[in-house]
């Protein structure tokens, strides 16, 4: 008698973005049997998550367990198979450009890890003759990220960042007080002495 496989076919109906902030999950419409190997799809929909880097797929939503890469083999474990995007927290290095500060410029750089709950505290520099006008993410000083002592939690794909201090020149008002003197009287007094 011929043998018939009675295992129900399974479709990997869900690739789950697992808190993605943009992009779409791939879709595999192929039917598989339990115990059969499926080819893992890649990040074809440009999944992204602010502050994180896509690191493959896992069958655990918390990111633990085996990590499956694009083109890899995934053995269908049960009648319902879901692969979740695995996200690795970005570690940002922020380097300070003090732009001629004369004080409060001892901190060279700081690091921030997405999800750590501890933002960077921006330095409070000083500069003789100037007022500090905040920190900026660009050398042209157009994109403000915070003022002195502000909390800063970077996001995005770029993990090595430079930030720049902006200064506003102090404007001083000088008032002159003139006292009238009678120069002719002074001259005569000098002759008498």
N, C-alpha and C. Protein backbone atom coordinates (compact mmCIF):
# COMPACT_ATOMS: atom_id res chain seq x y z
N UNK A 1 0.83 -1.19 0.00
CA UNK A 1 0.00 0.00 0.00
C UNK A 1 0.87 1.25 0.00
N UNK A 2 0.49 2.24 -0.79
CA UNK A 2 1.29 3.47 -0.80
C UNK A 2 1.13 4.24 0.50
N UNK A 3 2.19 4.88 0.92
CA UNK A 3 2.18 5.68 2.14
C UNK A 3 1.68 7.08 1.80
N UNK A 4 0.80 7.59 2.62
CA UNK A 4 0.31 8.96 2.42
C UNK A 4 0.71 9.81 3.61
N UNK A 5 1.23 11.01 3.33
CA UNK A 5 1.61 11.94 4.41
C UNK A 5 0.35 12.64 4.88
N UNK A 6 0.01 12.41 6.13
CA UNK A 6 -1.23 12.99 6.66
C UNK A 6 -1.01 14.31 7.40
N UNK A 7 0.22 14.81 7.37
CA UNK A 7 0.49 16.08 8.04
C UNK A 7 -0.24 17.21 7.30
N UNK A 8 -0.86 18.11 8.04
CA UNK A 8 -1.56 19.21 7.36
C UNK A 8 -0.54 20.20 6.79
N UNK A 9 -0.83 20.76 5.61
CA UNK A 9 0.08 21.77 5.07
C UNK A 9 -0.01 23.05 5.89
N UNK A 10 1.10 23.73 5.98
CA UNK A 10 1.19 24.97 6.75
C UNK A 10 1.72 26.06 5.83
N UNK A 11 1.20 27.24 5.97
CA UNK A 11 1.74 28.39 5.26
C UNK A 11 2.37 29.31 6.29
N UNK A 12 3.59 29.78 6.00
CA UNK A 12 4.16 30.81 6.88
C UNK A 12 3.38 32.07 6.53
N UNK A 13 2.21 32.18 7.12
CA UNK A 13 1.30 33.25 6.74
C UNK A 13 1.74 34.59 7.31
N UNK A 14 2.59 34.55 8.31
CA UNK A 14 2.93 35.81 8.96
C UNK A 14 4.43 35.95 9.18
N UNK A 15 4.97 36.99 8.60
CA UNK A 15 6.25 37.53 9.03
C UNK A 15 5.83 38.77 9.81
N UNK A 16 6.25 38.88 11.03
CA UNK A 16 5.78 39.95 11.91
C UNK A 16 6.88 41.01 12.06
N UNK A 17 6.52 42.27 11.84
CA UNK A 17 7.48 43.37 11.93
C UNK A 17 7.97 43.65 13.34
N UNK A 18 7.25 43.16 14.34
CA UNK A 18 7.72 43.22 15.72
C UNK A 18 8.12 44.64 16.13
N UNK A 19 7.15 45.56 16.06
CA UNK A 19 7.33 46.97 16.44
C UNK A 19 8.08 47.80 15.41
N UNK A 20 8.07 47.38 14.15
CA UNK A 20 8.70 48.21 13.12
C UNK A 20 7.98 49.55 13.02
N UNK A 21 8.71 50.59 12.61
CA UNK A 21 8.12 51.92 12.47
C UNK A 21 7.91 52.31 11.01
N UNK A 22 8.46 51.51 10.09
CA UNK A 22 8.24 51.75 8.67
C UNK A 22 8.53 50.48 7.90
N UNK A 23 8.14 50.46 6.63
CA UNK A 23 8.36 49.30 5.78
C UNK A 23 7.25 48.27 5.92
N UNK A 24 7.37 47.20 5.15
CA UNK A 24 6.36 46.13 5.17
C UNK A 24 7.05 44.78 5.30
N UNK A 25 6.33 43.83 5.89
CA UNK A 25 6.87 42.47 6.06
C UNK A 25 6.74 41.71 4.75
N UNK A 26 7.65 40.75 4.50
CA UNK A 26 7.52 39.92 3.29
C UNK A 26 6.36 38.94 3.45
N UNK A 27 5.95 38.34 2.35
CA UNK A 27 4.85 37.38 2.39
C UNK A 27 5.26 36.12 1.64
N UNK A 28 5.09 34.98 2.29
CA UNK A 28 5.40 33.68 1.68
C UNK A 28 4.10 32.91 1.57
N UNK A 29 3.61 32.72 0.35
CA UNK A 29 2.33 32.05 0.15
C UNK A 29 2.48 30.55 -0.10
N UNK A 30 3.70 30.04 -0.01
CA UNK A 30 3.95 28.62 -0.22
C UNK A 30 3.41 27.80 0.95
N UNK A 31 2.82 26.66 0.66
CA UNK A 31 2.35 25.75 1.71
C UNK A 31 3.44 24.76 2.04
N UNK A 32 3.68 24.55 3.32
CA UNK A 32 4.71 23.63 3.80
C UNK A 32 4.07 22.61 4.72
N UNK A 33 4.72 21.48 4.90
CA UNK A 33 4.29 20.49 5.87
C UNK A 33 5.07 20.69 7.16
N UNK A 34 4.47 20.33 8.28
CA UNK A 34 5.18 20.38 9.55
C UNK A 34 6.43 19.52 9.43
N UNK A 35 7.56 20.08 9.82
CA UNK A 35 8.84 19.38 9.71
C UNK A 35 9.57 19.64 8.41
N UNK A 36 8.90 20.27 7.47
CA UNK A 36 9.53 20.60 6.18
C UNK A 36 10.32 21.89 6.31
N UNK A 37 11.39 22.03 5.55
CA UNK A 37 12.22 23.24 5.57
C UNK A 37 11.68 24.27 4.60
N UNK A 38 11.55 25.49 5.09
CA UNK A 38 11.15 26.63 4.26
C UNK A 38 12.36 27.54 4.10
N UNK A 39 12.41 28.22 2.98
CA UNK A 39 13.48 29.19 2.76
C UNK A 39 13.05 30.53 3.35
N UNK A 40 13.87 31.07 4.21
CA UNK A 40 13.56 32.32 4.90
C UNK A 40 13.70 33.49 3.92
N UNK A 41 12.70 34.34 3.93
CA UNK A 41 12.72 35.53 3.07
C UNK A 41 13.53 36.65 3.72
N UNK A 42 14.00 37.54 2.90
CA UNK A 42 14.78 38.67 3.40
C UNK A 42 13.89 39.85 3.78
N UNK A 43 14.51 40.92 4.15
CA UNK A 43 13.81 42.15 4.51
C UNK A 43 13.49 42.92 3.23
N UNK A 44 12.65 42.30 2.40
CA UNK A 44 12.36 42.84 1.08
C UNK A 44 11.48 44.08 1.12
N UNK A 45 10.76 44.29 2.21
CA UNK A 45 9.89 45.46 2.33
C UNK A 45 10.52 46.61 3.08
N UNK A 46 11.85 46.57 3.23
CA UNK A 46 12.60 47.65 3.90
C UNK A 46 12.05 47.97 5.29
N UNK A 47 11.84 46.93 6.09
CA UNK A 47 11.40 47.14 7.47
C UNK A 47 12.45 47.97 8.20
N UNK A 48 12.00 48.88 9.03
CA UNK A 48 12.91 49.69 9.85
C UNK A 48 12.22 49.97 11.18
N UNK A 49 13.03 50.26 12.16
CA UNK A 49 12.53 50.64 13.49
C UNK A 49 13.44 51.71 14.03
N UNK A 50 12.87 52.83 14.44
CA UNK A 50 13.67 53.95 14.94
C UNK A 50 14.57 53.49 16.08
N UNK A 51 15.87 53.76 15.94
CA UNK A 51 16.83 53.45 16.99
C UNK A 51 17.33 52.01 17.00
N UNK A 52 16.91 51.23 16.02
CA UNK A 52 17.29 49.81 15.98
C UNK A 52 17.77 49.43 14.58
N UNK A 53 18.49 48.30 14.52
CA UNK A 53 18.95 47.75 13.25
C UNK A 53 18.33 46.38 13.07
N UNK A 54 17.81 46.12 11.87
CA UNK A 54 17.23 44.82 11.56
C UNK A 54 18.33 43.77 11.60
N UNK A 55 18.07 42.65 12.32
CA UNK A 55 19.10 41.62 12.51
C UNK A 55 18.61 40.22 12.16
N UNK A 56 17.61 40.12 11.29
CA UNK A 56 17.12 38.81 10.86
C UNK A 56 15.75 38.51 11.44
N UNK A 57 15.42 37.22 11.51
CA UNK A 57 14.12 36.76 11.99
C UNK A 57 14.29 35.73 13.09
N UNK A 58 13.36 35.69 14.03
CA UNK A 58 13.34 34.64 15.05
C UNK A 58 11.91 34.13 15.18
N UNK A 59 11.75 32.98 15.82
CA UNK A 59 10.38 32.50 16.04
C UNK A 59 9.89 32.87 17.44
N UNK A 60 10.59 33.77 18.09
CA UNK A 60 10.17 34.30 19.39
C UNK A 60 10.03 35.81 19.29
N UNK A 61 8.90 36.34 19.71
CA UNK A 61 8.67 37.78 19.58
C UNK A 61 9.62 38.61 20.43
N UNK A 62 10.22 37.99 21.48
CA UNK A 62 11.16 38.74 22.32
C UNK A 62 12.58 38.74 21.75
N UNK A 63 12.74 38.15 20.57
CA UNK A 63 14.04 38.19 19.89
C UNK A 63 15.02 37.12 20.30
N UNK A 64 14.63 36.25 21.23
CA UNK A 64 15.55 35.19 21.67
C UNK A 64 15.44 33.99 20.74
N UNK A 65 16.34 33.06 20.92
CA UNK A 65 16.31 31.84 20.11
C UNK A 65 17.16 31.96 18.86
N UNK A 66 16.94 31.04 17.96
CA UNK A 66 17.72 31.00 16.72
C UNK A 66 17.37 32.19 15.84
N UNK A 67 18.41 32.79 15.25
CA UNK A 67 18.22 33.89 14.31
C UNK A 67 18.32 33.31 12.90
N UNK A 68 17.33 33.62 12.08
CA UNK A 68 17.28 33.12 10.70
C UNK A 68 17.55 34.28 9.75
N UNK A 69 18.48 34.05 8.83
CA UNK A 69 18.85 35.08 7.86
C UNK A 69 18.19 34.79 6.52
N UNK A 70 18.15 35.81 5.69
CA UNK A 70 17.59 35.66 4.34
C UNK A 70 18.27 34.52 3.60
N UNK A 71 17.44 33.64 3.01
CA UNK A 71 17.97 32.50 2.26
C UNK A 71 18.26 31.29 3.11
N UNK A 72 18.18 31.47 4.44
CA UNK A 72 18.43 30.36 5.35
C UNK A 72 17.26 29.39 5.37
N UNK A 73 17.45 28.32 6.10
CA UNK A 73 16.42 27.28 6.19
C UNK A 73 15.72 27.36 7.55
N UNK A 74 14.40 27.27 7.50
CA UNK A 74 13.58 27.30 8.72
C UNK A 74 12.67 26.07 8.68
N UNK A 75 12.81 25.18 9.64
CA UNK A 75 11.99 23.97 9.70
C UNK A 75 10.67 24.32 10.38
N UNK A 76 9.59 24.05 9.66
CA UNK A 76 8.25 24.38 10.15
C UNK A 76 7.97 23.56 11.40
N UNK A 77 7.78 24.23 12.57
CA UNK A 77 7.66 23.48 13.82
C UNK A 77 6.25 23.01 14.15
N UNK A 78 5.24 23.70 13.66
CA UNK A 78 3.87 23.38 14.04
C UNK A 78 2.92 23.90 12.97
N UNK A 79 1.66 23.72 13.20
CA UNK A 79 0.66 24.11 12.21
C UNK A 79 0.55 25.62 12.04
N UNK A 80 1.13 26.36 12.93
CA UNK A 80 1.12 27.81 12.84
C UNK A 80 2.55 28.30 12.99
N UNK A 81 3.06 28.94 11.96
CA UNK A 81 4.45 29.38 12.00
C UNK A 81 4.53 30.88 11.77
N UNK A 82 5.17 31.58 12.70
CA UNK A 82 5.35 33.02 12.59
C UNK A 82 6.82 33.33 12.80
N UNK A 83 7.39 34.13 11.92
CA UNK A 83 8.77 34.61 12.10
C UNK A 83 8.69 36.10 12.43
N UNK A 84 9.39 36.50 13.49
CA UNK A 84 9.37 37.88 13.98
C UNK A 84 10.68 38.58 13.62
N UNK A 85 10.56 39.85 13.25
CA UNK A 85 11.77 40.63 13.00
C UNK A 85 12.56 40.73 14.29
N UNK A 86 13.86 40.54 14.19
CA UNK A 86 14.74 40.71 15.34
C UNK A 86 15.40 42.07 15.20
N UNK A 87 15.36 42.84 16.28
CA UNK A 87 15.92 44.20 16.27
C UNK A 87 17.05 44.30 17.29
N UNK A 88 18.15 44.86 16.86
CA UNK A 88 19.29 45.11 17.75
C UNK A 88 19.33 46.60 18.07
N UNK A 89 19.38 46.92 19.35
CA UNK A 89 19.41 48.33 19.77
C UNK A 89 20.67 49.02 19.26
N UNK A 90 20.50 50.19 18.68
CA UNK A 90 21.65 50.98 18.23
C UNK A 90 22.37 51.60 19.42
N UNK A 91 23.69 51.65 19.34
CA UNK A 91 24.50 52.36 20.32
C UNK A 91 25.07 53.58 19.60
N UNK A 92 24.71 54.75 20.08
CA UNK A 92 25.12 56.01 19.45
C UNK A 92 26.30 56.61 20.21
N UNK A 93 27.27 57.09 19.46
CA UNK A 93 28.38 57.85 20.04
C UNK A 93 28.24 59.29 19.57
N UNK A 94 28.10 60.19 20.54
CA UNK A 94 27.91 61.62 20.25
C UNK A 94 29.18 62.36 20.66
N UNK A 95 29.80 63.04 19.70
CA UNK A 95 31.02 63.83 19.96
C UNK A 95 30.66 65.31 19.93
N UNK A 96 31.15 66.04 20.94
CA UNK A 96 30.82 67.46 21.08
C UNK A 96 31.85 68.35 20.40
N UNK A 97 31.37 69.29 19.59
CA UNK A 97 32.21 70.32 19.01
C UNK A 97 31.81 71.62 19.72
N UNK A 98 32.69 72.10 20.59
CA UNK A 98 32.35 73.24 21.44
C UNK A 98 32.49 74.60 20.76
N UNK A 99 33.07 74.64 19.59
CA UNK A 99 33.19 75.90 18.84
C UNK A 99 33.77 77.03 19.69
N UNK A 100 34.97 76.83 20.19
CA UNK A 100 35.73 77.85 20.93
C UNK A 100 35.23 78.14 22.35
N UNK A 101 34.56 77.20 22.98
CA UNK A 101 34.13 77.40 24.37
C UNK A 101 35.35 77.60 25.26
N UNK A 102 35.19 78.40 26.30
CA UNK A 102 36.29 78.64 27.24
C UNK A 102 36.08 77.96 28.58
N UNK A 103 34.93 77.33 28.76
CA UNK A 103 34.65 76.61 30.00
C UNK A 103 33.55 75.59 29.79
N UNK A 104 33.43 74.64 30.70
CA UNK A 104 32.39 73.62 30.62
C UNK A 104 32.54 72.68 29.44
N UNK A 105 33.77 72.61 28.92
CA UNK A 105 34.00 71.82 27.72
C UNK A 105 34.88 70.59 27.97
N UNK A 106 34.78 70.02 29.15
CA UNK A 106 35.61 68.88 29.51
C UNK A 106 35.13 67.55 28.95
N UNK A 107 33.84 67.42 28.64
CA UNK A 107 33.30 66.17 28.13
C UNK A 107 33.50 66.12 26.62
N UNK A 108 34.23 65.12 26.16
CA UNK A 108 34.53 65.00 24.73
C UNK A 108 33.40 64.31 23.99
N UNK A 109 32.85 63.24 24.57
CA UNK A 109 31.79 62.49 23.90
C UNK A 109 30.93 61.75 24.93
N UNK A 110 29.82 61.21 24.44
CA UNK A 110 28.91 60.43 25.30
C UNK A 110 28.28 59.34 24.44
N UNK A 111 27.78 58.28 25.08
CA UNK A 111 27.11 57.21 24.34
C UNK A 111 25.68 57.04 24.84
N UNK A 112 24.84 56.57 23.94
CA UNK A 112 23.44 56.31 24.25
C UNK A 112 23.02 55.02 23.56
N UNK A 113 22.35 54.14 24.30
CA UNK A 113 21.83 52.90 23.74
C UNK A 113 20.31 52.99 23.70
N UNK A 114 19.74 52.75 22.51
CA UNK A 114 18.28 52.77 22.37
C UNK A 114 17.66 51.79 23.36
N UNK A 115 16.62 52.24 24.01
CA UNK A 115 15.90 51.39 24.95
C UNK A 115 16.48 51.35 26.34
N UNK A 116 17.59 52.04 26.56
CA UNK A 116 18.24 52.00 27.88
C UNK A 116 17.48 52.82 28.92
N UNK A 117 16.69 53.78 28.44
CA UNK A 117 15.95 54.64 29.37
C UNK A 117 16.78 55.74 29.98
N UNK A 118 18.06 55.82 29.63
CA UNK A 118 18.93 56.86 30.18
C UNK A 118 19.45 57.74 29.04
N UNK A 119 18.81 58.90 28.82
CA UNK A 119 19.28 59.78 27.75
C UNK A 119 20.60 60.45 28.10
N UNK A 120 21.23 61.00 27.10
CA UNK A 120 22.44 61.79 27.28
C UNK A 120 22.04 63.14 27.86
N UNK A 121 22.81 63.65 28.82
CA UNK A 121 22.62 65.01 29.31
C UNK A 121 23.63 65.89 28.59
N UNK A 122 23.14 66.82 27.80
CA UNK A 122 24.03 67.69 27.02
C UNK A 122 24.81 68.63 27.93
N UNK A 123 26.10 68.87 27.63
CA UNK A 123 26.93 69.75 28.46
C UNK A 123 26.43 71.20 28.47
N UNK A 124 26.95 71.94 29.45
CA UNK A 124 26.64 73.37 29.60
C UNK A 124 27.95 74.15 29.47
N UNK A 125 28.35 74.45 28.24
CA UNK A 125 29.61 75.17 28.06
C UNK A 125 29.46 76.68 28.25
N UNK A 126 30.59 77.35 28.38
CA UNK A 126 30.61 78.81 28.47
C UNK A 126 31.68 79.33 27.52
N UNK A 127 31.56 80.59 27.16
CA UNK A 127 32.55 81.23 26.29
C UNK A 127 32.56 82.72 26.63
N UNK A 128 33.74 83.21 26.90
CA UNK A 128 33.89 84.62 27.28
C UNK A 128 33.38 85.52 26.16
N UNK A 129 32.45 86.41 26.52
CA UNK A 129 31.91 87.38 25.55
C UNK A 129 30.73 86.85 24.74
N UNK A 130 30.28 85.63 25.05
CA UNK A 130 29.19 85.03 24.28
C UNK A 130 28.16 84.38 25.20
N UNK A 131 26.96 84.19 24.68
CA UNK A 131 25.90 83.47 25.38
C UNK A 131 25.65 82.17 24.62
N UNK A 132 25.60 81.06 25.36
CA UNK A 132 25.36 79.76 24.74
C UNK A 132 23.93 79.71 24.19
N UNK A 133 23.78 79.27 22.94
CA UNK A 133 22.47 79.26 22.26
C UNK A 133 22.01 77.86 21.88
N UNK A 134 22.61 76.83 22.49
CA UNK A 134 22.11 75.48 22.27
C UNK A 134 23.02 74.59 21.45
N UNK A 135 22.61 73.30 21.39
CA UNK A 135 23.34 72.28 20.63
C UNK A 135 22.60 71.97 19.34
N UNK A 136 23.38 71.73 18.28
CA UNK A 136 22.82 71.49 16.95
C UNK A 136 23.45 70.24 16.33
N UNK A 137 22.66 69.56 15.50
CA UNK A 137 23.14 68.32 14.90
C UNK A 137 23.92 68.55 13.61
N UNK A 138 24.02 69.79 13.17
CA UNK A 138 24.73 70.09 11.93
C UNK A 138 25.65 71.29 12.13
N UNK A 139 26.74 71.31 11.35
CA UNK A 139 27.73 72.38 11.47
C UNK A 139 27.16 73.73 11.06
N UNK A 140 26.10 73.73 10.26
CA UNK A 140 25.46 74.98 9.85
C UNK A 140 24.55 75.57 10.91
N UNK A 141 24.38 74.84 12.03
CA UNK A 141 23.60 75.29 13.19
C UNK A 141 22.15 75.61 12.85
N UNK A 142 21.49 74.67 12.14
CA UNK A 142 20.09 74.87 11.77
C UNK A 142 19.15 73.87 12.46
N UNK A 143 19.66 72.70 12.90
CA UNK A 143 18.80 71.66 13.49
C UNK A 143 19.10 71.51 14.98
N UNK A 144 18.30 72.20 15.80
CA UNK A 144 18.51 72.19 17.24
C UNK A 144 18.16 70.83 17.85
N UNK A 145 19.00 70.37 18.80
CA UNK A 145 18.71 69.12 19.52
C UNK A 145 18.49 69.37 21.01
N UNK A 146 18.74 70.58 21.48
CA UNK A 146 18.52 70.88 22.89
C UNK A 146 19.46 71.93 23.42
N UNK A 147 19.11 72.45 24.57
CA UNK A 147 19.91 73.47 25.22
C UNK A 147 20.85 72.89 26.26
N UNK A 148 21.42 73.77 27.05
CA UNK A 148 22.35 73.36 28.11
C UNK A 148 21.64 72.46 29.11
N UNK A 149 22.22 71.30 29.38
CA UNK A 149 21.67 70.38 30.36
C UNK A 149 20.45 69.60 29.89
N UNK A 150 20.08 69.74 28.62
CA UNK A 150 18.89 69.04 28.09
C UNK A 150 19.17 67.55 27.93
N UNK A 151 18.11 66.76 27.94
CA UNK A 151 18.20 65.33 27.68
C UNK A 151 18.14 65.10 26.18
N UNK A 152 18.98 64.19 25.69
CA UNK A 152 19.06 63.92 24.25
C UNK A 152 19.11 62.41 24.03
N UNK A 153 18.17 61.90 23.25
CA UNK A 153 18.11 60.48 22.89
C UNK A 153 18.12 60.37 21.38
N UNK A 154 19.30 60.16 20.78
CA UNK A 154 19.37 60.10 19.32
C UNK A 154 18.60 58.92 18.75
N UNK A 155 18.18 59.07 17.49
CA UNK A 155 17.54 57.99 16.74
C UNK A 155 18.11 58.01 15.33
N UNK A 156 17.69 57.07 14.52
CA UNK A 156 18.13 57.03 13.12
C UNK A 156 19.21 56.01 12.89
N UNK A 157 19.57 55.86 11.62
CA UNK A 157 20.52 54.82 11.22
C UNK A 157 21.97 55.22 11.47
N UNK A 158 22.26 56.51 11.48
CA UNK A 158 23.64 56.96 11.69
C UNK A 158 23.95 56.91 13.18
N UNK A 159 24.96 56.14 13.57
CA UNK A 159 25.24 55.94 15.00
C UNK A 159 26.46 56.71 15.51
N UNK A 160 27.23 57.31 14.62
CA UNK A 160 28.35 58.15 15.03
C UNK A 160 27.96 59.58 14.67
N UNK A 161 27.75 60.39 15.72
CA UNK A 161 27.20 61.73 15.52
C UNK A 161 28.12 62.80 16.07
N UNK A 162 28.10 63.95 15.43
CA UNK A 162 28.78 65.14 15.93
C UNK A 162 27.70 66.17 16.23
N UNK A 163 27.83 66.85 17.37
CA UNK A 163 26.90 67.94 17.68
C UNK A 163 27.72 69.21 17.92
N UNK A 164 27.09 70.35 17.66
CA UNK A 164 27.82 71.61 17.61
C UNK A 164 27.19 72.66 18.52
N UNK A 165 28.05 73.36 19.26
CA UNK A 165 27.60 74.45 20.13
C UNK A 165 27.37 75.70 19.29
N UNK A 166 26.29 76.41 19.61
CA UNK A 166 26.01 77.68 18.94
C UNK A 166 26.18 78.79 19.96
N UNK A 167 26.78 79.87 19.51
CA UNK A 167 27.05 81.01 20.38
C UNK A 167 26.46 82.28 19.79
N UNK A 168 25.97 83.14 20.67
CA UNK A 168 25.50 84.46 20.29
C UNK A 168 26.40 85.47 20.97
N UNK A 169 26.98 86.36 20.17
CA UNK A 169 27.88 87.36 20.73
C UNK A 169 27.12 88.29 21.66
N UNK A 170 27.68 88.54 22.84
CA UNK A 170 27.07 89.48 23.77
C UNK A 170 27.16 90.90 23.21
N UNK A 171 26.13 91.67 23.45
CA UNK A 171 26.11 93.07 23.04
C UNK A 171 26.23 93.89 24.31
N UNK A 172 27.25 94.72 24.35
CA UNK A 172 27.50 95.54 25.53
C UNK A 172 27.14 96.98 25.22
N UNK A 173 26.50 97.63 26.16
CA UNK A 173 26.19 99.05 26.03
C UNK A 173 27.13 99.83 26.93
N UNK A 174 27.86 100.76 26.34
CA UNK A 174 28.79 101.59 27.10
C UNK A 174 28.22 103.00 27.16
N UNK A 175 28.08 103.51 28.35
CA UNK A 175 27.55 104.86 28.53
C UNK A 175 28.69 105.76 29.01
N UNK A 176 28.87 106.88 28.30
CA UNK A 176 29.91 107.84 28.67
C UNK A 176 29.27 108.99 29.45
N UNK A 177 29.86 109.34 30.58
CA UNK A 177 29.41 110.49 31.36
C UNK A 177 30.46 111.60 31.22
N UNK A 178 30.05 112.67 30.59
CA UNK A 178 30.96 113.79 30.41
C UNK A 178 30.78 114.80 31.55
N UNK A 179 31.91 115.30 32.08
CA UNK A 179 31.87 116.34 33.11
C UNK A 179 32.48 117.60 32.50
N UNK A 180 31.75 118.69 32.58
CA UNK A 180 32.25 119.95 32.02
C UNK A 180 33.35 120.50 32.90
N UNK A 181 34.44 120.87 32.24
CA UNK A 181 35.52 121.51 32.98
C UNK A 181 35.85 122.83 32.30
N UNK A 182 36.19 123.77 33.09
CA UNK A 182 36.57 125.07 32.56
C UNK A 182 38.07 125.06 32.36
N UNK A 183 38.47 124.73 31.11
CA UNK A 183 39.90 124.59 30.82
C UNK A 183 40.66 125.90 31.00
N UNK A 184 40.03 127.00 30.76
CA UNK A 184 40.71 128.29 30.93
C UNK A 184 41.05 128.52 32.40
N UNK A 185 40.14 128.20 33.30
CA UNK A 185 40.38 128.35 34.73
C UNK A 185 41.51 127.43 35.17
N UNK A 186 41.50 126.17 34.66
CA UNK A 186 42.57 125.21 34.99
C UNK A 186 43.93 125.74 34.55
N UNK A 187 43.96 126.35 33.35
CA UNK A 187 45.23 126.86 32.83
C UNK A 187 45.76 128.01 33.71
N UNK A 188 44.85 128.90 34.13
CA UNK A 188 45.27 130.01 34.96
C UNK A 188 45.73 129.52 36.32
N UNK A 189 45.08 128.51 36.88
CA UNK A 189 45.45 127.96 38.18
C UNK A 189 46.84 127.35 38.10
N UNK A 190 47.13 126.71 37.00
CA UNK A 190 48.42 126.08 36.85
C UNK A 190 49.53 127.15 36.83
N UNK A 191 49.29 128.32 36.18
CA UNK A 191 50.29 129.37 36.12
C UNK A 191 50.58 129.95 37.50
N UNK A 192 49.55 130.05 38.34
CA UNK A 192 49.74 130.65 39.64
C UNK A 192 50.57 129.75 40.57
N UNK A 193 50.53 128.49 40.33
CA UNK A 193 51.25 127.57 41.22
C UNK A 193 52.63 127.48 40.77
